Amino acid sequence: MNQAPESLFLPHGKRAVLLLHAYSGSPNDVRMLARFLEKLDYTIYAPLFTGHGTLDPLDILQETSEQWWQDSQKAVTFLQEQGYQDIAVLGLSMGGTYATRLLSTIPDSFMGGGFFCSPIAPVKTNVTENFLLYAQQVLERNGAETTKEKVESYRPLVEQQLGMIEEQAHIAYEDLAKINRPFFMAQSGKDEMIDAKGVFKTAERLQQTTFTLKWYPRSGHVITVGPERRQLEQDVADFLASLGWREDYGEKNN
């Protein structure tokens, strides 16, 4: 039996990076990126969203997108209570939606941030089918009886929940003009979950701040584990290094 995923906290230097995972994912989505950044002396926190990482897909479907927004805000508070003043926030897919909302809602809490393959601008997605496939795999892996009917019975719940997540993305999209910190966007060219071109609509709304848009032509949706992940890791590291961190050389500079 695989060990259930849990939140990942890697305390290192004074610069902290909050990494938020995807809809049907867990901190495992961003574990390799976390380990890469850890070696560069960043403190990393990748919280597990409520209901995720269990043996039952219904645990996710019984939660709300508002709960995950609360989880995202609590993650910032957690880092601040640990003494970290300089924080960047990045997220994959749904996690990127919440990262974007955080940057527009409490910009003073961050040095910068952004997303990887997140449908911020309204786009067509294949998330429902992907979640049903995920649900089937989880049930089979854990020896539960799976029938087509059982998996299909999740469909209305998934569609209802995705509607709520899209509302979160809509808020993020409408509030893009409030972001006043450097912003990073990564998009896969072979994204099988969302229309990749949506990232350009998002970029059009970010004229008020410095932004970086990176395109990965050979990658699929979960770009953090894809064929160009090393390039992504380096691009994220370069972006983070460019931020105006106050906590340089382990000293507090006012």
C-alpha atoms as a PDB file:
ATOM      1  CA  MET A   1       0.000   0.000   0.000  1.00  0.00           C
ATOM      2  CA  ASN A   2       1.369   3.373  -0.947  1.00  0.00           C
ATOM      3  CA  GLN A   3       1.796   5.853   1.857  1.00  0.00           C
ATOM      4  CA  ALA A   4      -0.932   8.497   1.834  1.00  0.00           C
ATOM      5  CA  PRO A   5       0.330  11.909   0.704  1.00  0.00           C
ATOM      6  CA  GLU A   6       0.680  14.592   3.342  1.00  0.00           C
ATOM      7  CA  SER A   7       1.686  18.237   3.567  1.00  0.00           C
ATOM      8  CA  LEU A   8       5.330  18.939   2.829  1.00  0.00           C
ATOM      9  CA  PHE A   9       7.276  21.423   4.956  1.00  0.00           C
ATOM     10  CA  LEU A  10      10.992  21.841   4.276  1.00  0.00           C
ATOM     11  CA  PRO A  11      12.443  24.621   6.466  1.00  0.00           C
ATOM     12  CA  HIS A  12      15.690  26.077   5.118  1.00  0.00           C
ATOM     13  CA  GLY A  13      16.546  29.709   4.392  1.00  0.00           C
ATOM     14  CA  LYS A  14      14.576  32.827   5.227  1.00  0.00           C
ATOM     15  CA  ARG A  15      12.966  32.982   1.771  1.00  0.00           C
ATOM     16  CA  ALA A  16       9.814  30.864   1.686  1.00  0.00           C
ATOM     17  CA  VAL A  17       7.982  29.415  -1.305  1.00  0.00           C
ATOM     18  CA  LEU A  18       4.381  28.232  -0.966  1.00  0.00           C
ATOM     19  CA  LEU A  19       3.494  25.560  -3.556  1.00  0.00           C
ATOM     20  CA  LEU A  20      -0.179  24.663  -4.117  1.00  0.00           C
ATOM     21  CA  HIS A  21      -1.191  21.391  -5.793  1.00  0.00           C
ATOM     22  CA  ALA A  22      -3.806  20.527  -8.419  1.00  0.00           C
ATOM     23  CA  TYR A  23      -7.477  19.536  -8.170  1.00  0.00           C
ATOM     24  CA  SER A  24      -7.154  15.740  -8.056  1.00  0.00           C
ATOM     25  CA  GLY A  25      -3.541  15.918  -6.918  1.00  0.00           C
ATOM     26  CA  SER A  26      -1.462  16.210  -3.768  1.00  0.00           C
ATOM     27  CA  PRO A  27       1.888  17.723  -2.718  1.00  0.00           C
ATOM     28  CA  ASN A  28       3.416  14.910  -4.797  1.00  0.00           C
ATOM     29  CA  ASP A  29       2.536  17.107  -7.816  1.00  0.00           C
ATOM     30  CA  VAL A  30       5.186  19.598  -6.755  1.00  0.00           C
ATOM     31  CA  ARG A  31       7.583  17.378  -4.783  1.00  0.00           C
ATOM     32  CA  MET A  32      10.388  17.387  -7.378  1.00  0.00           C
ATOM     33  CA  LEU A  33      10.163  21.167  -7.748  1.00  0.00           C
ATOM     34  CA  ALA A  34      10.154  21.479  -3.949  1.00  0.00           C
ATOM     35  CA  ARG A  35      13.322  19.365  -3.648  1.00  0.00           C
ATOM     36  CA  PHE A  36      15.015  21.390  -6.393  1.00  0.00           C
ATOM     37  CA  LEU A  37      14.223  24.700  -4.662  1.00  0.00           C
ATOM     38  CA  GLU A  38      15.167  23.263  -1.269  1.00  0.00           C
ATOM     39  CA  LYS A  39      18.710  22.764  -2.601  1.00  0.00           C
ATOM     40  CA  LEU A  40      18.775  26.500  -3.392  1.00  0.00           C
ATOM     41  CA  ASP A  41      18.107  27.219   0.309  1.00  0.00           C
ATOM     42  CA  TYR A  42      14.432  28.145  -0.022  1.00  0.00           C
ATOM     43  CA  THR A  43      12.010  27.079   2.677  1.00  0.00           C
ATOM     44  CA  ILE A  44       9.186  25.158   1.004  1.00  0.00           C
ATOM     45  CA  TYR A  45       5.633  24.573   2.154  1.00  0.00           C
ATOM     46  CA  ALA A  46       3.280  22.460   0.036  1.00  0.00           C
ATOM     47  CA  PRO A  47       0.067  21.916   2.025  1.00  0.00           C
ATOM     48  CA  LEU A  48      -2.391  19.094   1.333  1.00  0.00           C
ATOM     49  CA  PHE A  49      -5.807  20.516   0.440  1.00  0.00           C
ATOM     50  CA  THR A  50      -8.693  19.270   2.612  1.00  0.00           C
ATOM     51  CA  GLY A  51     -10.178  15.973   1.354  1.00  0.00           C
ATOM     52  CA  HIS A  52      -7.208  15.163  -0.877  1.00  0.00           C
ATOM     53  CA  GLY A  53      -4.707  12.316  -0.712  1.00  0.00           C
ATOM     54  CA  THR A  54      -7.176   9.735   0.652  1.00  0.00           C
ATOM     55  CA  LEU A  55      -8.297   6.329  -0.604  1.00  0.00           C
ATOM     56  CA  ASP A  56     -11.794   7.595  -1.486  1.00  0.00           C
ATOM     57  CA  PRO A  57     -12.402  10.089  -4.337  1.00  0.00           C
ATOM     58  CA  LEU A  58     -15.634  11.143  -2.608  1.00  0.00           C
ATOM     59  CA  ASP A  59     -13.517  12.837   0.071  1.00  0.00           C
ATOM     60  CA  ILE A  60     -12.561  15.448  -2.547  1.00  0.00           C
ATOM     61  CA  LEU A  61     -16.073  15.691  -3.991  1.00  0.00           C
ATOM     62  CA  GLN A  62     -17.607  16.366  -0.569  1.00  0.00           C
ATOM     63  CA  GLU A  63     -15.394  19.433  -0.051  1.00  0.00           C
ATOM     64  CA  THR A  64     -15.948  22.917  -1.454  1.00  0.00           C
ATOM     65  CA  SER A  65     -13.761  25.233  -3.469  1.00  0.00           C
ATOM     66  CA  GLU A  66     -14.260  27.786  -0.680  1.00  0.00           C
ATOM     67  CA  GLN A  67     -12.670  25.348   1.788  1.00  0.00           C
ATOM     68  CA  TRP A  68      -9.590  25.151  -0.430  1.00  0.00           C
ATOM     69  CA  TRP A  69      -9.461  28.948  -0.597  1.00  0.00           C
ATOM     70  CA  GLN A  70      -9.469  28.907   3.219  1.00  0.00           C
ATOM     71  CA  ASP A  71      -6.708  26.259   3.157  1.00  0.00           C
ATOM     72  CA  SER A  72      -4.647  28.522   0.873  1.00  0.00           C
ATOM     73  CA  GLN A  73      -4.973  31.490   3.226  1.00  0.00           C
ATOM     74  CA  LYS A  74      -4.156  29.323   6.258  1.00  0.00           C
ATOM     75  CA  ALA A  75      -0.990  28.165   4.491  1.00  0.00           C
ATOM     76  CA  VAL A  76       0.204  31.780   4.281  1.00  0.00           C
ATOM     77  CA  THR A  77      -0.607  32.288   7.966  1.00  0.00           C
ATOM     78  CA  PHE A  78       1.309  29.100   8.813  1.00  0.00           C
ATOM     79  CA  LEU A  79       4.467  30.415   7.124  1.00  0.00           C
ATOM     80  CA  GLN A  80       4.090  33.825   8.759  1.00  0.00           C
ATOM     81  CA  GLU A  81       3.654  32.210  12.183  1.00  0.00           C
ATOM     82  CA  GLN A  82       6.855  30.245  11.524  1.00  0.00           C
ATOM     83  CA  GLY A  83       8.596  33.607  11.139  1.00  0.00           C
ATOM     84  CA  TYR A  84       8.821  33.880   7.342  1.00  0.00           C
ATOM     85  CA  GLN A  85       8.255  37.425   6.089  1.00  0.00           C
ATOM     86  CA  ASP A  86       9.417  36.952   2.504  1.00  0.00           C
ATOM     87  CA  ILE A  87       7.092  34.545   0.670  1.00  0.00           C
ATOM     88  CA  ALA A  88       6.458  33.651  -2.973  1.00  0.00           C
ATOM     89  CA  VAL A  89       3.430  31.580  -3.994  1.00  0.00           C
ATOM     90  CA  LEU A  90       3.099  29.298  -7.012  1.00  0.00           C
ATOM     91  CA  GLY A  91       0.517  26.673  -7.905  1.00  0.00           C
ATOM     92  CA  LEU A  92      -0.250  23.953 -10.429  1.00  0.00           C
ATOM     93  CA  SER A  93      -3.616  24.071 -12.217  1.00  0.00           C
ATOM     94  CA  MET A  94      -6.264  24.657  -9.484  1.00  0.00           C
ATOM     95  CA  GLY A  95      -3.456  25.480  -7.061  1.00  0.00           C
ATOM     96  CA  GLY A  96      -2.412  28.236  -9.446  1.00  0.00           C
ATOM     97  CA  THR A  97      -5.918  29.685  -9.316  1.00  0.00           C
ATOM     98  CA  TYR A  98      -5.583  30.047  -5.554  1.00  0.00           C
ATOM     99  CA  ALA A  99      -2.026  31.373  -5.861  1.00  0.00           C
ATOM    100  CA  THR A 100      -3.327  34.052  -8.236  1.00  0.00           C
ATOM    101  CA  ARG A 101      -6.177  34.933  -5.860  1.00  0.00           C
ATOM    102  CA  LEU A 102      -3.732  35.243  -2.959  1.00  0.00           C
ATOM    103  CA  LEU A 103      -1.539  37.623  -4.976  1.00  0.00           C
ATOM    104  CA  SER A 104      -4.488  39.883  -5.751  1.00  0.00           C
ATOM    105  CA  THR A 105      -6.132  39.642  -2.292  1.00  0.00           C
ATOM    106  CA  ILE A 106      -3.122  40.065   0.020  1.00  0.00           C
ATOM    107  CA  PRO A 107      -0.324  41.331  -2.265  1.00  0.00           C
ATOM    108  CA  ASP A 108       1.674  42.766   0.625  1.00  0.00           C
ATOM    109  CA  SER A 109       2.212  39.228   1.936  1.00  0.00           C
ATOM    110  CA  PHE A 110       4.256  38.216  -1.121  1.00  0.00           C
ATOM    111  CA  MET A 111       7.366  39.018  -3.095  1.00  0.00           C
ATOM    112  CA  GLY A 112       5.795  37.515  -6.219  1.00  0.00           C
ATOM    113  CA  GLY A 113       4.304  34.321  -7.604  1.00  0.00           C
ATOM    114  CA  GLY A 114       2.186  32.766 -10.307  1.00  0.00           C
ATOM    115  CA  PHE A 115       0.916  29.537 -11.805  1.00  0.00           C
ATOM    116  CA  PHE A 116       1.629  26.487 -13.955  1.00  0.00           C
ATOM    117  CA  CYS A 117      -1.078  25.433 -16.446  1.00  0.00           C
ATOM    118  CA  SER A 118      -3.967  27.154 -14.654  1.00  0.00           C
ATOM    119  CA  PRO A 119      -7.233  28.028 -16.405  1.00  0.00           C
ATOM    120  CA  ILE A 120      -7.517  31.600 -15.092  1.00  0.00           C
ATOM    121  CA  ALA A 121      -9.051  33.047 -18.266  1.00  0.00           C
ATOM    122  CA  PRO A 122     -12.244  31.170 -19.234  1.00  0.00           C
ATOM    123  CA  VAL A 123     -11.291  28.197 -21.456  1.00  0.00           C
ATOM    124  CA  LYS A 124     -12.612  24.787 -22.424  1.00  0.00           C
ATOM    125  CA  THR A 125     -11.374  21.994 -20.164  1.00  0.00           C
ATOM    126  CA  ASN A 126     -11.421  18.180 -19.998  1.00  0.00           C
ATOM    127  CA  VAL A 127     -11.229  18.090 -16.220  1.00  0.00           C
ATOM    128  CA  THR A 128     -14.429  16.084 -15.640  1.00  0.00           C
ATOM    129  CA  GLU A 129     -13.294  13.081 -17.703  1.00  0.00           C
ATOM    130  CA  ASN A 130      -9.850  13.276 -16.160  1.00  0.00           C
ATOM    131  CA  PHE A 131     -11.259  13.236 -12.614  1.00  0.00           C
ATOM    132  CA  LEU A 132     -13.465  10.214 -13.386  1.00  0.00           C
ATOM    133  CA  LEU A 133     -10.397   8.376 -14.696  1.00  0.00           C
ATOM    134  CA  TYR A 134      -8.511   9.384 -11.537  1.00  0.00           C
ATOM    135  CA  ALA A 135     -11.406   8.121  -9.376  1.00  0.00           C
ATOM    136  CA  GLN A 136     -11.409   4.761 -11.171  1.00  0.00           C
ATOM    137  CA  GLN A 137      -7.642   4.388 -10.710  1.00  0.00           C
ATOM    138  CA  VAL A 138      -7.817   5.228  -6.988  1.00  0.00           C
ATOM    139  CA  LEU A 139     -10.605   2.728  -6.380  1.00  0.00           C
ATOM    140  CA  GLU A 140      -8.862  -0.027  -8.347  1.00  0.00           C
ATOM    141  CA  ARG A 141      -5.524   0.616  -6.664  1.00  0.00           C
ATOM    142  CA  ASN A 142      -7.113   0.218  -3.258  1.00  0.00           C
ATOM    143  CA  GLY A 143      -8.984  -2.967  -4.091  1.00  0.00           C
ATOM    144  CA  ALA A 144     -12.425  -1.346  -4.054  1.00  0.00           C
ATOM    145  CA  GLU A 145     -15.084  -2.681  -6.349  1.00  0.00           C
ATOM    146  CA  THR A 146     -15.323  -0.471  -9.398  1.00  0.00           C
ATOM    147  CA  THR A 147     -18.120  -0.528 -11.907  1.00  0.00           C
ATOM    148  CA  LYS A 148     -18.748   1.821 -14.771  1.00  0.00           C
ATOM    149  CA  GLU A 149     -21.972   2.845 -13.009  1.00  0.00           C
ATOM    150  CA  LYS A 150     -20.193   3.664  -9.746  1.00  0.00           C
ATOM    151  CA  VAL A 151     -17.576   5.853 -11.417  1.00  0.00           C
ATOM    152  CA  GLU A 152     -20.220   7.467 -13.629  1.00  0.00           C
ATOM    153  CA  SER A 153     -22.285   8.292 -10.518  1.00  0.00           C
ATOM    154  CA  TYR A 154     -19.554  10.765  -9.565  1.00  0.00           C
ATOM    155  CA  ARG A 155     -20.084  12.819 -12.733  1.00  0.00           C
ATOM    156  CA  PRO A 156     -22.773  15.245 -11.429  1.00  0.00           C
ATOM    157  CA  LEU A 157     -20.720  15.835  -8.265  1.00  0.00           C
ATOM    158  CA  VAL A 158     -17.595  16.535 -10.321  1.00  0.00           C
ATOM    159  CA  GLU A 159     -19.451  18.919 -12.638  1.00  0.00           C
ATOM    160  CA  GLN A 160     -20.987  20.772  -9.698  1.00  0.00           C
ATOM    161  CA  GLN A 161     -17.601  21.096  -8.011  1.00  0.00           C
ATOM    162  CA  LEU A 162     -15.859  22.226 -11.186  1.00  0.00           C
ATOM    163  CA  GLY A 163     -18.496  24.944 -11.488  1.00  0.00           C
ATOM    164  CA  MET A 164     -17.411  26.200  -8.061  1.00  0.00           C
ATOM    165  CA  ILE A 165     -13.733  26.017  -8.983  1.00  0.00           C
ATOM    166  CA  GLU A 166     -14.482  27.992 -12.159  1.00  0.00           C
ATOM    167  CA  GLU A 167     -16.073  30.652  -9.958  1.00  0.00           C
ATOM    168  CA  GLN A 168     -12.775  30.882  -8.048  1.00  0.00           C
ATOM    169  CA  ALA A 169     -10.944  31.233 -11.370  1.00  0.00           C
ATOM    170  CA  HIS A 170     -13.406  33.923 -12.449  1.00  0.00           C
ATOM    171  CA  ILE A 171     -12.652  35.925  -9.285  1.00  0.00           C
ATOM    172  CA  ALA A 172      -8.918  35.497  -9.950  1.00  0.00           C
ATOM    173  CA  TYR A 173      -9.366  36.614 -13.572  1.00  0.00           C
ATOM    174  CA  GLU A 174     -11.425  39.672 -12.652  1.00  0.00           C
ATOM    175  CA  ASP A 175      -8.878  40.682  -9.989  1.00  0.00           C
ATOM    176  CA  LEU A 176      -5.732  40.301 -12.125  1.00  0.00           C
ATOM    177  CA  ALA A 177      -5.421  44.091 -12.340  1.00  0.00           C
ATOM    178  CA  LYS A 178      -4.923  44.193  -8.553  1.00  0.00           C
ATOM    179  CA  ILE A 179      -1.699  42.178  -8.746  1.00  0.00           C
ATOM    180  CA  ASN A 180       1.293  44.452  -8.215  1.00  0.00           C
ATOM    181  CA  ARG A 181       4.001  41.841  -7.731  1.00  0.00           C
ATOM    182  CA  PRO A 182       6.151  40.078 -10.362  1.00  0.00           C
ATOM    183  CA  PHE A 183       4.088  37.267 -11.885  1.00  0.00           C
ATOM    184  CA  PHE A 184       5.166  33.948 -13.426  1.00  0.00           C
ATOM    185  CA  MET A 185       3.125  31.885 -15.888  1.00  0.00           C
ATOM    186  CA  ALA A 186       4.091  28.473 -17.282  1.00  0.00           C
ATOM    187  CA  GLN A 187       1.987  26.773 -19.949  1.00  0.00           C
ATOM    188  CA  SER A 188       2.377  23.390 -21.624  1.00  0.00           C
ATOM    189  CA  GLY A 189       1.941  23.200 -25.377  1.00  0.00           C
ATOM    190  CA  LYS A 190       0.453  19.682 -25.189  1.00  0.00           C
ATOM    191  CA  ASP A 191      -1.894  20.406 -22.279  1.00  0.00           C
ATOM    192  CA  GLU A 192      -4.598  17.738 -22.499  1.00  0.00           C
ATOM    193  CA  MET A 193      -6.721  19.250 -19.707  1.00  0.00           C
ATOM    194  CA  ILE A 194      -7.167  22.915 -20.627  1.00  0.00           C
ATOM    195  CA  ASP A 195      -6.966  25.078 -23.732  1.00  0.00           C
ATOM    196  CA  ALA A 196      -3.332  26.193 -23.615  1.00  0.00           C
ATOM    197  CA  LYS A 197      -4.036  29.470 -25.453  1.00  0.00           C
ATOM    198  CA  GLY A 198      -5.947  30.812 -22.448  1.00  0.00           C
ATOM    199  CA  VAL A 199      -2.647  31.858 -20.867  1.00  0.00           C
ATOM    200  CA  PHE A 200      -2.322  34.660 -23.442  1.00  0.00           C
ATOM    201  CA  LYS A 201      -5.694  36.110 -22.405  1.00  0.00           C
ATOM    202  CA  THR A 202      -4.477  36.094 -18.819  1.00  0.00           C
ATOM    203  CA  ALA A 203      -1.245  37.856 -19.816  1.00  0.00           C
ATOM    204  CA  GLU A 204      -3.233  40.606 -21.555  1.00  0.00           C
ATOM    205  CA  ARG A 205      -4.726  41.547 -18.179  1.00  0.00           C
ATOM    206  CA  LEU A 206      -1.360  41.874 -16.459  1.00  0.00           C
ATOM    207  CA  GLN A 207      -0.106  45.065 -18.079  1.00  0.00           C
ATOM    208  CA  GLN A 208       0.288  46.769 -14.692  1.00  0.00           C
ATOM    209  CA  THR A 209       2.993  44.455 -13.413  1.00  0.00           C
ATOM    210  CA  THR A 210       6.121  42.635 -14.549  1.00  0.00           C
ATOM    211  CA  PHE A 211       5.295  39.176 -15.790  1.00  0.00           C
ATOM    212  CA  THR A 212       7.160  36.181 -17.173  1.00  0.00           C
ATOM    213  CA  LEU A 213       5.399  33.801 -19.563  1.00  0.00           C
ATOM    214  CA  LYS A 214       7.150  30.529 -20.402  1.00  0.00           C
ATOM    215  CA  TRP A 215       5.881  28.048 -23.006  1.00  0.00           C
ATOM    216  CA  TYR A 216       6.825  24.352 -22.860  1.00  0.00           C
ATOM    217  CA  PRO A 217       5.963  22.812 -26.243  1.00  0.00           C
ATOM    218  CA  ARG A 218       6.540  19.138 -25.318  1.00  0.00           C
ATOM    219  CA  SER A 219       4.818  19.053 -21.913  1.00  0.00           C
ATOM    220  CA  GLY A 220       1.387  17.871 -20.815  1.00  0.00           C
ATOM    221  CA  HIS A 221      -0.823  19.362 -18.101  1.00  0.00           C
ATOM    222  CA  VAL A 222       1.150  18.157 -15.072  1.00  0.00           C
ATOM    223  CA  ILE A 223       4.199  20.089 -16.210  1.00  0.00           C
ATOM    224  CA  THR A 224       6.026  19.597 -12.902  1.00  0.00           C
ATOM    225  CA  VAL A 225       6.623  15.924 -13.729  1.00  0.00           C
ATOM    226  CA  GLY A 226       6.773  16.230 -17.521  1.00  0.00           C
ATOM    227  CA  PRO A 227       9.620  15.951 -20.053  1.00  0.00           C
ATOM    228  CA  GLU A 228      10.582  19.623 -19.620  1.00  0.00           C
ATOM    229  CA  ARG A 229      10.408  19.705 -15.835  1.00  0.00           C
ATOM    230  CA  ARG A 230      14.110  20.507 -15.461  1.00  0.00           C
ATOM    231  CA  GLN A 231      13.657  23.544 -17.678  1.00  0.00           C
ATOM    232  CA  LEU A 232      10.620  24.562 -15.627  1.00  0.00           C
ATOM    233  CA  GLU A 233      12.583  24.148 -12.389  1.00  0.00           C
ATOM    234  CA  GLN A 234      15.368  26.367 -13.707  1.00  0.00           C
ATOM    235  CA  ASP A 235      12.883  28.961 -14.996  1.00  0.00           C
ATOM    236  CA  VAL A 236      11.148  29.053 -11.605  1.00  0.00           C
ATOM    237  CA  ALA A 237      14.522  29.392  -9.863  1.00  0.00           C
ATOM    238  CA  ASP A 238      15.491  32.276 -12.183  1.00  0.00           C
ATOM    239  CA  PHE A 239      12.150  33.981 -11.526  1.00  0.00           C
ATOM    240  CA  LEU A 240      12.501  33.591  -7.755  1.00  0.00           C
ATOM    241  CA  ALA A 241      16.090  34.880  -7.849  1.00  0.00           C
ATOM    242  CA  SER A 242      14.855  38.032  -9.617  1.00  0.00           C
ATOM    243  CA  LEU A 243      12.418  38.992  -6.839  1.00  0.00           C
ATOM    244  CA  GLY A 244      13.286  41.811  -4.446  1.00  0.00           C
ATOM    245  CA  TRP A 245      13.771  39.628  -1.393  1.00  0.00           C
ATOM    246  CA  ARG A 246      14.343  41.599   1.791  1.00  0.00           C
ATOM    247  CA  GLU A 247      15.943  38.683   3.578  1.00  0.00           C
ATOM    248  CA  ASP A 248      19.318  38.693   1.814  1.00  0.00           C
ATOM    249  CA  TYR A 249      22.406  36.897   3.119  1.00  0.00           C
ATOM    250  CA  GLY A 250      20.539  35.657   6.187  1.00  0.00           C
ATOM    251  CA  GLU A 251      20.272  39.190   7.566  1.00  0.00           C
ATOM    252  CA  LYS A 252      17.195  41.313   7.990  1.00  0.00           C
ATOM    253  CA  ASN A 253      17.436  44.447   5.924  1.00  0.00           C
ATOM    254  CA  ASN A 254      14.835  47.048   6.693  1.00  0.00           C
END
